[in-house]
Protein backbone atom coordinates (compact mmCIF):
# COMPACT_ATOMS: atom_id res chain seq x y z
CA MET A 1 27.88 -24.46 13.37
CA LYS A 2 28.09 -21.19 15.27
CA THR A 3 27.84 -19.22 12.02
CA LYS A 4 24.70 -21.13 11.09
CA PHE A 5 23.26 -20.37 14.52
CA ILE A 6 23.84 -16.62 14.09
CA ILE A 7 22.38 -16.62 10.59
CA THR A 8 19.39 -18.58 11.90
CA LEU A 9 18.78 -15.94 14.58
CA ILE A 10 18.84 -13.22 11.93
CA SER A 11 16.47 -15.24 9.76
CA LEU A 12 14.16 -15.72 12.76
CA TYR A 13 14.04 -11.96 13.32
CA SER A 14 13.19 -11.58 9.65
CA SER A 15 10.42 -14.17 9.95
CA LEU A 16 8.88 -12.20 12.82
CA GLY A 17 8.56 -9.34 10.34
CA PHE A 18 6.84 -11.38 7.64
CA ALA A 19 3.69 -9.29 7.98
CA GLN A 20 5.90 -6.24 7.46
CA GLN A 21 7.39 -7.53 4.18
CA ILE A 22 4.73 -5.40 2.51
CA PRO A 23 4.17 -2.00 4.15
CA GLN A 24 0.99 -1.17 6.03
CA TYR A 25 -1.31 1.48 4.50
CA SER A 26 -4.06 2.94 6.68
CA GLN A 27 -5.46 5.08 3.83
CA TYR A 28 -5.71 2.26 1.29
CA LEU A 29 -9.19 3.42 0.22
CA ARG A 30 -7.72 6.59 -1.27
CA ASN A 31 -5.18 4.71 -3.41
CA GLN A 32 -5.96 1.04 -3.95
CA PHE A 33 -3.31 0.88 -6.64
CA LEU A 34 -0.78 0.38 -3.80
CA LEU A 35 -2.40 -2.96 -2.94
CA ASN A 36 -3.73 -4.12 -6.28
CA PRO A 37 -2.17 -3.61 -9.74
CA GLY A 38 -5.65 -4.20 -11.16
CA ALA A 39 -6.58 -0.72 -9.86
CA THR A 40 -3.97 0.89 -12.13
CA GLY A 41 -5.57 3.70 -14.14
CA VAL A 42 -9.05 3.57 -12.62
CA TYR A 43 -9.25 7.36 -12.93
CA ASP A 44 -9.00 8.98 -16.38
CA PHE A 45 -5.99 11.15 -15.59
CA LEU A 46 -2.45 10.89 -14.24
CA ASP A 47 -2.90 10.09 -10.53
CA ILE A 48 0.22 10.65 -8.41
CA THR A 49 0.45 9.95 -4.68
CA LEU A 50 3.35 10.73 -2.36
CA GLY A 51 3.03 9.27 1.11
CA GLY A 52 4.91 8.74 4.33
CA ARG A 53 4.16 6.52 7.30
CA SER A 54 5.65 6.14 10.77
CA GLN A 55 4.46 3.06 12.67
CA TRP A 56 4.80 2.42 16.43
CA THR A 57 6.10 5.94 17.09
CA GLY A 58 8.32 6.05 20.17
CA PHE A 59 9.53 2.50 19.71
CA ASN A 60 13.21 2.11 18.78
CA ASN A 61 13.78 1.07 15.14
CA SER A 62 10.03 1.14 14.46
CA PRO A 63 8.78 0.60 10.89
CA GLY A 64 8.81 3.60 8.57
CA THR A 65 7.72 3.88 4.95
CA ILE A 66 7.98 6.45 2.16
CA TYR A 67 6.34 5.81 -1.20
CA LEU A 68 5.62 7.41 -4.57
CA ALA A 69 2.93 5.87 -6.78
CA MET A 70 1.51 6.97 -10.12
CA SER A 71 -0.87 5.52 -12.69
CA SER A 72 -2.70 6.66 -15.79
CA PRO A 73 -4.79 5.17 -18.58
CA ILE A 74 -3.79 5.53 -22.22
CA GLN A 75 -6.59 7.39 -23.94
CA LYS A 76 -7.35 9.92 -26.60
CA LYS A 77 -7.84 13.43 -25.34
CA SER A 78 -11.48 14.39 -25.73
CA SER A 79 -12.98 17.85 -25.64
CA PRO A 80 -14.82 18.69 -22.42
CA LYS A 81 -18.58 18.53 -22.67
CA PHE A 82 -21.05 20.68 -20.81
CA ASN A 83 -23.03 18.72 -18.24
CA PRO A 84 -25.80 20.76 -16.59
CA SER A 85 -26.11 18.16 -13.82
CA ILE A 86 -22.68 19.03 -12.41
CA ARG A 87 -23.11 21.14 -9.27
CA ILE A 88 -20.58 23.96 -9.28
CA SER A 89 -22.39 26.70 -7.42
CA ASP A 90 -20.77 25.87 -4.07
CA GLY A 91 -17.24 26.23 -5.51
CA LEU A 92 -16.02 23.00 -3.88
CA HIS A 93 -13.50 20.72 -5.54
CA ARG A 94 -15.24 17.38 -5.69
CA ASN A 95 -13.78 13.91 -6.04
CA PRO A 96 -13.16 12.79 -9.62
CA GLU A 97 -15.66 10.41 -11.16
CA ILE A 98 -14.90 6.80 -12.02
CA ASN A 99 -15.91 6.09 -15.62
CA THR A 100 -16.94 2.62 -16.75
CA GLY A 101 -18.33 0.96 -19.85
CA LYS A 102 -15.24 1.29 -22.05
CA LEU A 103 -12.07 -0.65 -22.78
CA LYS A 104 -8.85 0.97 -21.65
CA HIS A 105 -5.19 0.17 -21.06
CA ALA A 106 -3.31 1.68 -18.13
CA PHE A 107 0.26 1.83 -16.90
CA GLY A 108 1.73 2.77 -13.54
CA GLY A 109 4.81 2.74 -11.39
CA LEU A 110 5.73 2.85 -7.74
CA VAL A 111 8.79 3.35 -5.59
CA ILE A 112 8.78 2.29 -1.93
CA ALA A 113 11.43 2.67 0.77
CA ASP A 114 10.55 0.64 3.87
CA GLN A 115 12.54 -0.02 7.01
CA TYR A 116 11.72 -2.09 10.09
CA GLY A 117 14.29 -2.84 12.75
CA ALA A 118 17.59 -3.85 11.20
CA PHE A 119 16.01 -4.56 7.82
CA ARG A 120 15.53 -2.13 4.93
CA THR A 121 13.79 -2.67 1.59
CA PHE A 122 13.90 -0.46 -1.47
CA HIS A 123 11.34 -1.51 -4.08
CA ALA A 124 10.63 -0.20 -7.59
CA ALA A 125 8.00 -1.67 -9.92
CA GLY A 126 5.96 -1.03 -13.03
CA THR A 127 2.35 -2.09 -13.54
CA TYR A 128 -0.05 -2.67 -16.40
CA ALA A 129 -3.83 -3.14 -16.28
CA LEU A 130 -6.43 -4.01 -18.88
CA HIS A 131 -9.92 -2.67 -18.07
CA LEU A 132 -12.74 -4.63 -19.72
CA PRO A 133 -16.33 -3.30 -19.75
CA ILE A 134 -18.79 -5.84 -18.38
CA SER A 135 -21.66 -3.41 -18.93
CA ASP A 136 -22.17 0.35 -19.02
CA LYS A 137 -21.93 0.43 -15.22
CA TYR A 138 -19.28 -2.19 -14.43
CA ASN A 139 -15.67 -2.85 -15.41
CA LEU A 140 -13.36 -5.77 -14.67
CA SER A 141 -9.66 -5.06 -14.65
CA PHE A 142 -6.73 -7.46 -14.69
CA GLY A 143 -3.38 -6.06 -13.61
CA THR A 144 0.20 -7.27 -13.40
CA LYS A 145 3.26 -5.93 -11.64
CA ILE A 146 6.95 -6.60 -12.11
CA GLY A 147 9.66 -5.03 -10.00
CA LEU A 148 12.92 -5.37 -8.16
CA SER A 149 13.51 -5.20 -4.41
CA ASN A 150 16.81 -4.51 -2.72
CA ASN A 151 16.79 -6.06 0.76
CA THR A 152 19.48 -5.05 3.23
CA PHE A 153 20.45 -6.06 6.75
CA ILE A 154 21.81 -3.03 8.67
CA PRO A 155 24.53 -4.08 11.14
CA ASP A 156 24.46 -0.74 12.99
CA LYS A 157 20.89 -1.44 14.08
CA ALA A 158 21.61 -4.98 15.27
CA LYS A 159 23.20 -6.04 18.53
CA VAL A 160 25.03 -9.20 19.55
CA LEU A 161 23.32 -10.33 22.75
CA SER A 162 26.51 -11.59 24.33
CA GLY A 163 27.80 -7.99 24.40
CA SER A 164 31.24 -9.08 23.19
CA PRO A 165 32.61 -9.30 19.63
CA ASP A 166 31.61 -12.49 17.84
CA ASN A 167 33.89 -13.74 15.09
CA SER A 168 31.16 -15.66 13.28
CA TYR A 169 28.88 -12.61 13.23
CA GLU A 170 31.72 -10.36 12.04
CA THR A 171 32.48 -12.82 9.23
CA TYR A 172 28.82 -12.84 8.23
CA ILE A 173 28.72 -9.04 8.06
CA ALA A 174 32.00 -8.88 6.13
CA ASN A 175 30.63 -11.23 3.46
CA GLY A 176 27.83 -8.84 2.61
CA ASN A 177 24.29 -8.26 3.80
CA SER A 178 22.25 -7.30 0.77
CA ARG A 179 20.26 -9.19 -1.84
CA ASN A 180 18.21 -8.12 -4.88
CA ILE A 181 15.01 -10.05 -5.52
CA MET A 182 12.61 -9.87 -8.46
CA ASP A 183 8.98 -9.29 -7.49
CA LEU A 184 5.92 -10.35 -9.47
CA GLY A 185 2.34 -9.48 -8.56
CA ALA A 186 -1.13 -9.71 -10.09
CA GLY A 187 -4.63 -8.55 -9.30
CA LEU A 188 -8.28 -8.51 -10.33
CA TYR A 189 -10.41 -5.44 -9.73
CA PHE A 190 -14.19 -5.30 -10.32
CA TYR A 191 -15.65 -1.83 -9.97
CA SER A 192 -18.36 0.72 -10.73
CA LYS A 193 -18.99 4.26 -9.52
CA GLU A 194 -20.20 2.88 -6.17
CA LEU A 195 -18.85 -0.67 -5.83
CA PHE A 196 -15.40 -2.24 -5.76
CA VAL A 197 -14.14 -5.76 -5.15
CA GLY A 198 -10.48 -6.63 -5.56
CA PHE A 199 -8.15 -9.57 -5.13
CA SER A 200 -4.39 -9.37 -5.48
CA THR A 201 -1.24 -11.29 -4.71
CA ASP A 202 2.36 -10.19 -4.26
CA HIS A 203 5.76 -11.93 -4.14
CA LEU A 204 4.55 -14.58 -6.59
CA THR A 205 8.09 -15.77 -7.27
CA LYS A 206 9.13 -15.47 -3.60
CA ASP A 207 12.95 -15.30 -3.72
CA PHE A 208 13.47 -17.71 -6.62
CA VAL A 209 14.96 -15.00 -8.85
CA ASN A 210 17.64 -13.16 -6.91
CA PHE A 211 21.23 -12.00 -7.05
CA GLY A 212 23.64 -10.52 -4.56
CA ASN A 213 24.96 -11.96 -1.32
CA GLN A 214 23.97 -15.61 -1.11
CA ILE A 215 24.61 -15.79 2.66
CA ALA A 216 22.00 -13.18 3.59
CA ASN A 217 18.61 -14.81 4.01
CA PHE A 218 15.57 -12.65 3.18
CA GLU A 219 12.91 -15.29 2.88
CA ARG A 220 9.96 -13.95 0.91
CA LYS A 221 6.39 -15.12 1.40
CA MET A 222 3.44 -14.81 -0.96
CA HIS A 223 0.91 -12.20 0.21
CA PHE A 224 -2.80 -12.09 -0.68
CA ASN A 225 -5.17 -9.12 -0.37
CA LEU A 226 -8.94 -9.04 -0.62
CA THR A 227 -10.79 -5.70 -0.64
CA ALA A 228 -14.44 -4.76 -0.99
CA GLY A 229 -16.61 -1.71 -0.43
CA TYR A 230 -19.74 0.16 -1.50
CA LYS A 231 -20.51 3.88 -1.51
CA PHE A 232 -24.03 4.76 -0.34
CA GLN A 233 -25.50 8.13 -1.30
CA LEU A 234 -27.24 9.25 1.91
CA ASN A 235 -28.47 12.54 0.45
CA ASN A 236 -27.24 15.33 -1.84
CA ASP A 237 -24.34 16.17 0.48
CA TRP A 238 -23.32 13.02 2.33
CA THR A 239 -22.03 9.60 1.29
CA LEU A 240 -21.04 6.60 3.43
CA THR A 241 -18.61 3.91 2.31
CA PRO A 242 -18.20 0.75 4.40
CA ALA A 243 -15.19 -1.28 3.28
CA ALA A 244 -13.01 -4.17 4.34
CA LEU A 245 -9.44 -5.32 3.72
CA ILE A 246 -8.28 -8.86 4.44
CA LYS A 247 -4.58 -9.72 4.17
CA PHE A 248 -3.25 -13.21 4.57
CA MET A 249 0.11 -14.87 4.33
CA LYS A 250 1.32 -18.17 5.75
CA PRO A 251 2.25 -18.77 8.52
CA ALA A 252 0.93 -15.49 10.00
CA PRO A 253 -2.78 -15.23 10.91
CA ALA A 254 -5.05 -13.23 8.61
CA SER A 255 -5.20 -9.47 9.15
CA ILE A 256 -8.73 -8.05 8.95
CA GLU A 257 -9.44 -4.34 8.70
CA THR A 258 -12.90 -2.76 8.51
CA THR A 259 -13.46 0.87 7.53
CA LEU A 260 -16.26 3.43 7.51
CA LEU A 261 -15.55 6.48 5.36
CA VAL A 262 -17.84 9.52 5.29
CA GLU A 263 -17.68 12.17 2.56
CA TYR A 264 -19.22 15.63 2.65
CA LYS A 265 -20.09 17.02 -0.78
CA GLU A 266 -17.39 14.72 -2.20
CA PHE A 267 -14.86 17.31 -1.04
CA LEU A 268 -14.09 16.51 2.61
CA TRP A 269 -13.72 12.99 3.94
CA PHE A 270 -13.19 11.50 7.36
CA GLY A 271 -13.55 8.04 8.80
CA ALA A 272 -12.37 5.29 11.09
CA SER A 273 -10.96 1.80 10.74
CA TYR A 274 -10.43 -1.11 13.06
CA ARG A 275 -7.54 -3.47 12.36
CA ILE A 276 -8.44 -6.47 14.49
CA LYS A 277 -6.10 -6.98 17.47
CA ASP A 278 -3.83 -4.25 16.16
CA ALA A 279 -5.13 -0.68 15.90
CA ILE A 280 -7.99 1.79 15.80
CA ILE A 281 -7.47 4.32 13.03
CA GLY A 282 -8.85 7.80 12.46
CA MET A 283 -8.45 9.61 9.15
CA ILE A 284 -9.31 12.92 7.51
CA GLY A 285 -8.61 14.55 4.16
CA CYS A 286 -9.87 16.93 1.50
CA ASN A 287 -9.44 18.13 -2.05
CA VAL A 288 -7.47 21.36 -1.72
CA ASN A 289 -8.20 22.28 -5.32
CA GLN A 290 -8.93 20.60 -8.63
CA LYS A 291 -5.43 19.12 -8.82
CA LEU A 292 -4.35 18.58 -5.20
CA LYS A 293 -5.60 16.42 -2.33
CA ILE A 294 -4.20 15.69 1.13
CA GLY A 295 -4.95 13.11 3.79
CA TYR A 296 -3.84 12.21 7.29
CA SER A 297 -4.43 9.19 9.51
CA PHE A 298 -3.49 8.20 13.06
CA ASP A 299 -3.18 4.63 14.30
CA TYR A 300 -3.87 3.99 17.98
CA SER A 301 -2.41 0.64 18.90
CA VAL A 302 -4.60 -1.83 20.79
CA SER A 303 -1.98 -4.58 20.69
CA ARG A 304 0.73 -5.37 23.23
CA MET A 305 2.77 -2.56 21.60
CA ASN A 306 0.41 0.01 23.15
CA HIS A 307 2.51 0.69 26.26
CA MET A 308 5.68 1.12 24.17
CA SER A 309 4.28 3.18 21.29
CA SER A 310 2.45 6.49 20.98
CA GLY A 311 0.72 5.37 17.79
CA GLY A 312 1.37 5.67 14.08
CA HIS A 313 1.05 8.53 11.60
CA GLU A 314 0.48 8.53 7.86
CA ILE A 315 0.19 11.48 5.52
CA ILE A 316 -0.50 11.50 1.79
CA LEU A 317 -0.27 14.17 -0.87
CA GLY A 318 -2.01 13.53 -4.18
CA LEU A 319 -1.74 15.22 -7.56
CA MET A 320 -4.44 14.78 -10.21
CA ILE A 321 -2.80 15.88 -13.46
CA GLY A 322 -4.93 16.18 -16.57
CA ARG A 323 -8.16 15.97 -14.64
């Protein structure tokens, strides 16, 4: 009975982190492939993103994430064509264009290391997306993801509240604290040069397919994401993109995030987001050259964590190979 009680407490701590089962990304607009496998291969080159995130800085055992994501369509290499409408006189390295109106297949992969409290997850997955032209201006993509997650409970970061050794807890730790779980995900992504609407789901199989320690309980929940946005061309130099991200997963309440992103000459971008009851986010980034882009964001907590945390930081480094 006592062993069950201890395991229940550990499971309860895990349940409090349900919303953290999938890492938080403040710069999701710059790489929607992280949220939706349907966005795999949207750009016609090999798109690689390396990112790191520290959440609730200053809080002991706060969440931290490192990820590597890449995607690319399969296509025949075509010779570059001269386009007199391309503005190159200012020497700036502009954002790549999104091309629509053609069928394409795309593959991708991602590796994520995420830790929150006494729990650590290492996740690796591959993705595939089929992009179908609806018209010359619009594409609809269907994507799938299959991967494997290693979930670990870290005893060194846990503490027995009684302050004295507990035989049941020691037995639990000795029997192992890691489990491997297969992950399946899917997504739809409707897009043009200006518009995007996406819907995706993760952890479709929950923890039905797993192997490893059968005592450790890492209960998985299905996650759903809905994204939408539109880029307005204000004039020759400025664009404005309002966007929204809604994440929901039972039994946690829905997470709603609204974003305004401003771009100057499609080279420099900055913006702000509001994650309701959680954080105000500022972000900035630029294309360093034709192949390299960087971005940074800061989360200012407006939740009850505010007095214990100095905020969150996220930085991304992107490579655009074959652009």
